[in-house]
């Protein structure tokens, strides 16, 4: 299950990076933005 987490995070980061354009923003911040 721990291996699935990083994989999902990477996918979310790439998706957010293309939408928001914040590639330098950490995954934790991206997750917060997604929750908003």
PDB file of N, CA and C in Angstrom:
ATOM      1  N   UNK A   1       0.843  -1.207   0.000  1.00  0.00           N
ATOM      2  CA  UNK A   1       0.000   0.000   0.000  1.00  0.00           C
ATOM      3  C   UNK A   1       0.877   1.255   0.000  1.00  0.00           C
ATOM      4  N   UNK A   2       2.069   1.134   0.595  1.00  0.00           N
ATOM      5  CA  UNK A   2       2.957   2.309   0.647  1.00  0.00           C
ATOM      6  C   UNK A   2       3.494   2.621  -0.746  1.00  0.00           C
ATOM      7  N   UNK A   3       3.559   1.599  -1.591  1.00  0.00           N
ATOM      8  CA  UNK A   3       4.079   1.819  -2.948  1.00  0.00           C
ATOM      9  C   UNK A   3       3.018   2.513  -3.813  1.00  0.00           C
ATOM     10  N   UNK A   4       1.764   2.284  -3.487  1.00  0.00           N
ATOM     11  CA  UNK A   4       0.685   2.873  -4.292  1.00  0.00           C
ATOM     12  C   UNK A   4       0.560   4.371  -3.989  1.00  0.00           C
ATOM     13  N   UNK A   5       0.897   4.749  -2.765  1.00  0.00           N
ATOM     14  CA  UNK A   5       0.767   6.167  -2.364  1.00  0.00           C
ATOM     15  C   UNK A   5       1.665   7.077  -3.203  1.00  0.00           C
ATOM     16  N   UNK A   6       2.965   6.810  -3.240  1.00  0.00           N
ATOM     17  CA  UNK A   6       3.871   7.678  -4.015  1.00  0.00           C
ATOM     18  C   UNK A   6       3.478   7.742  -5.484  1.00  0.00           C
ATOM     19  N   UNK A   7       3.005   6.627  -6.003  1.00  0.00           N
ATOM     20  CA  UNK A   7       2.614   6.594  -7.418  1.00  0.00           C
ATOM     21  C   UNK A   7       1.452   7.553  -7.655  1.00  0.00           C
ATOM     22  N   UNK A   8       0.487   7.535  -6.764  1.00  0.00           N
ATOM     23  CA  UNK A   8      -0.688   8.411  -6.904  1.00  0.00           C
ATOM     24  C   UNK A   8      -0.254   9.866  -6.738  1.00  0.00           C
ATOM     25  N   UNK A   9       0.627  10.097  -5.787  1.00  0.00           N
ATOM     26  CA  UNK A   9       1.096  11.470  -5.543  1.00  0.00           C
ATOM     27  C   UNK A   9       1.757  12.018  -6.801  1.00  0.00           C
ATOM     28  N   UNK A  10       2.564  11.190  -7.440  1.00  0.00           N
ATOM     29  CA  UNK A  10       3.263  11.639  -8.660  1.00  0.00           C
ATOM     30  C   UNK A  10       2.238  11.976  -9.744  1.00  0.00           C
ATOM     31  N   UNK A  11       1.231  11.137  -9.851  1.00  0.00           N
ATOM     32  CA  UNK A  11       0.194  11.371 -10.872  1.00  0.00           C
ATOM     33  C   UNK A  11      -0.539  12.680 -10.588  1.00  0.00           C
ATOM     34  N   UNK A  12      -0.841  12.900  -9.306  1.00  0.00           N
ATOM     35  CA  UNK A  12      -1.556  14.127  -8.920  1.00  0.00           C
ATOM     36  C   UNK A  12      -0.671  15.341  -9.175  1.00  0.00           C
ATOM     37  N   UNK A  13       0.607  15.196  -8.853  1.00  0.00           N
ATOM     38  CA  UNK A  13       1.537  16.319  -9.032  1.00  0.00           C
ATOM     39  C   UNK A  13       1.598  16.716 -10.503  1.00  0.00           C
ATOM     40  N   UNK A  14       1.694  15.733 -11.364  1.00  0.00           N
ATOM     41  CA  UNK A  14       1.787  16.012 -12.803  1.00  0.00           C
ATOM     42  C   UNK A  14       0.485  16.650 -13.290  1.00  0.00           C
ATOM     43  N   UNK A  15      -0.629  16.124 -12.806  1.00  0.00           N
ATOM     44  CA  UNK A  15      -1.931  16.647 -13.237  1.00  0.00           C
ATOM     45  C   UNK A  15      -2.077  18.104 -12.791  1.00  0.00           C
ATOM     46  N   UNK A  16      -1.758  18.362 -11.535  1.00  0.00           N
ATOM     47  CA  UNK A  16      -1.877  19.717 -10.997  1.00  0.00           C
ATOM     48  C   UNK A  16      -0.884  20.648 -11.690  1.00  0.00           C
ATOM     49  N   UNK A  17       0.284  20.100 -11.964  1.00  0.00           N
ATOM     50  CA  UNK A  17       1.335  20.917 -12.595  1.00  0.00           C
ATOM     51  C   UNK A  17       0.852  21.434 -13.941  1.00  0.00           C
ATOM     52  N   UNK A  18       0.081  20.614 -14.636  1.00  0.00           N
ATOM     53  CA  UNK A  18      -0.396  21.027 -15.957  1.00  0.00           C
ATOM     54  C   UNK A  18      -1.561  22.007 -15.838  1.00  0.00           C
ATOM     55  N   UNK A  19      -2.342  21.865 -14.778  1.00  0.00           N
ATOM     56  CA  UNK A  19      -3.514  22.743 -14.606  1.00  0.00           C
ATOM     57  C   UNK A  19      -3.091  24.077 -13.974  1.00  0.00           C
ATOM     58  N   UNK A  20      -2.430  23.983 -12.827  1.00  0.00           N
ATOM     59  CA  UNK A  20      -2.023  25.197 -12.106  1.00  0.00           C
ATOM     60  C   UNK A  20      -0.685  25.725 -12.611  1.00  0.00           C
ATOM     61  N   UNK A  21       0.188  24.783 -13.003  1.00  0.00           N
ATOM     62  CA  UNK A  21       1.506  25.198 -13.475  1.00  0.00           C
ATOM     63  C   UNK A  21       2.468  25.391 -12.321  1.00  0.00           C
ATOM     64  N   UNK A  22       2.227  24.701 -11.202  1.00  0.00           N
ATOM     65  CA  UNK A  22       3.124  24.822 -10.042  1.00  0.00           C
ATOM     66  C   UNK A  22       3.882  23.512  -9.868  1.00  0.00           C
ATOM     67  N   UNK A  23       4.931  23.359 -10.632  1.00  0.00           N
ATOM     68  CA  UNK A  23       5.700  22.115 -10.581  1.00  0.00           C
ATOM     69  C   UNK A  23       6.625  22.116  -9.364  1.00  0.00           C
ATOM     70  N   UNK A  24       6.984  23.313  -8.875  1.00  0.00           N
ATOM     71  CA  UNK A  24       7.920  23.406  -7.755  1.00  0.00           C
ATOM     72  C   UNK A  24       7.193  23.254  -6.424  1.00  0.00           C
ATOM     73  N   UNK A  25       5.880  23.330  -6.437  1.00  0.00           N
ATOM     74  CA  UNK A  25       5.113  23.212  -5.195  1.00  0.00           C
ATOM     75  C   UNK A  25       5.129  21.761  -4.730  1.00  0.00           C
ATOM     76  N   UNK A  26       5.415  21.532  -3.443  1.00  0.00           N
ATOM     77  CA  UNK A  26       5.444  20.169  -2.898  1.00  0.00           C
ATOM     78  C   UNK A  26       4.096  19.474  -3.058  1.00  0.00           C
ATOM     79  N   UNK A  27       4.131  18.140  -2.984  1.00  0.00           N
ATOM     80  CA  UNK A  27       2.899  17.366  -3.161  1.00  0.00           C
ATOM     81  C   UNK A  27       1.896  17.716  -2.054  1.00  0.00           C
ATOM     82  N   UNK A  28       2.407  17.936  -0.829  1.00  0.00           N
ATOM     83  CA  UNK A  28       1.516  18.255   0.294  1.00  0.00           C
ATOM     84  C   UNK A  28       0.720  19.522  -0.011  1.00  0.00           C
ATOM     85  N   UNK A  29       1.380  20.507  -0.572  1.00  0.00           N
ATOM     86  CA  UNK A  29       0.702  21.767  -0.903  1.00  0.00           C
ATOM     87  C   UNK A  29      -0.291  21.535  -2.031  1.00  0.00           C
ATOM     88  N   UNK A  30       0.106  20.731  -2.987  1.00  0.00           N
ATOM     89  CA  UNK A  30      -0.774  20.434  -4.126  1.00  0.00           C
ATOM     90  C   UNK A  30      -2.025  19.727  -3.618  1.00  0.00           C
ATOM     91  N   UNK A  31      -1.826  18.817  -2.664  1.00  0.00           N
ATOM     92  CA  UNK A  31      -2.967  18.087  -2.102  1.00  0.00           C
ATOM     93  C   UNK A  31      -3.915  19.054  -1.413  1.00  0.00           C
ATOM     94  N   UNK A  32      -3.332  20.032  -0.701  1.00  0.00           N
ATOM     95  CA  UNK A  32      -4.150  21.029  -0.005  1.00  0.00           C
ATOM     96  C   UNK A  32      -4.955  21.839  -1.012  1.00  0.00           C
ATOM     97  N   UNK A  33      -4.321  22.204  -2.104  1.00  0.00           N
ATOM     98  CA  UNK A  33      -4.990  22.994  -3.139  1.00  0.00           C
ATOM     99  C   UNK A  33      -6.123  22.178  -3.762  1.00  0.00           C
ATOM    100  N   UNK A  34      -5.866  20.897  -3.925  1.00  0.00           N
ATOM    101  CA  UNK A  34      -6.867  20.027  -4.545  1.00  0.00           C
ATOM    102  C   UNK A  34      -8.084  19.901  -3.625  1.00  0.00           C
ATOM    103  N   UNK A  35      -7.822  19.867  -2.311  1.00  0.00           N
ATOM    104  CA  UNK A  35      -8.916  19.750  -1.347  1.00  0.00           C
ATOM    105  C   UNK A  35      -9.762  21.012  -1.338  1.00  0.00           C
ATOM    106  N   UNK A  36      -9.121  22.145  -1.593  1.00  0.00           N
ATOM    107  CA  UNK A  36      -9.833  23.429  -1.604  1.00  0.00           C
ATOM    108  C   UNK A  36     -10.791  23.440  -2.784  1.00  0.00           C
TER     109      UNK A  36
END
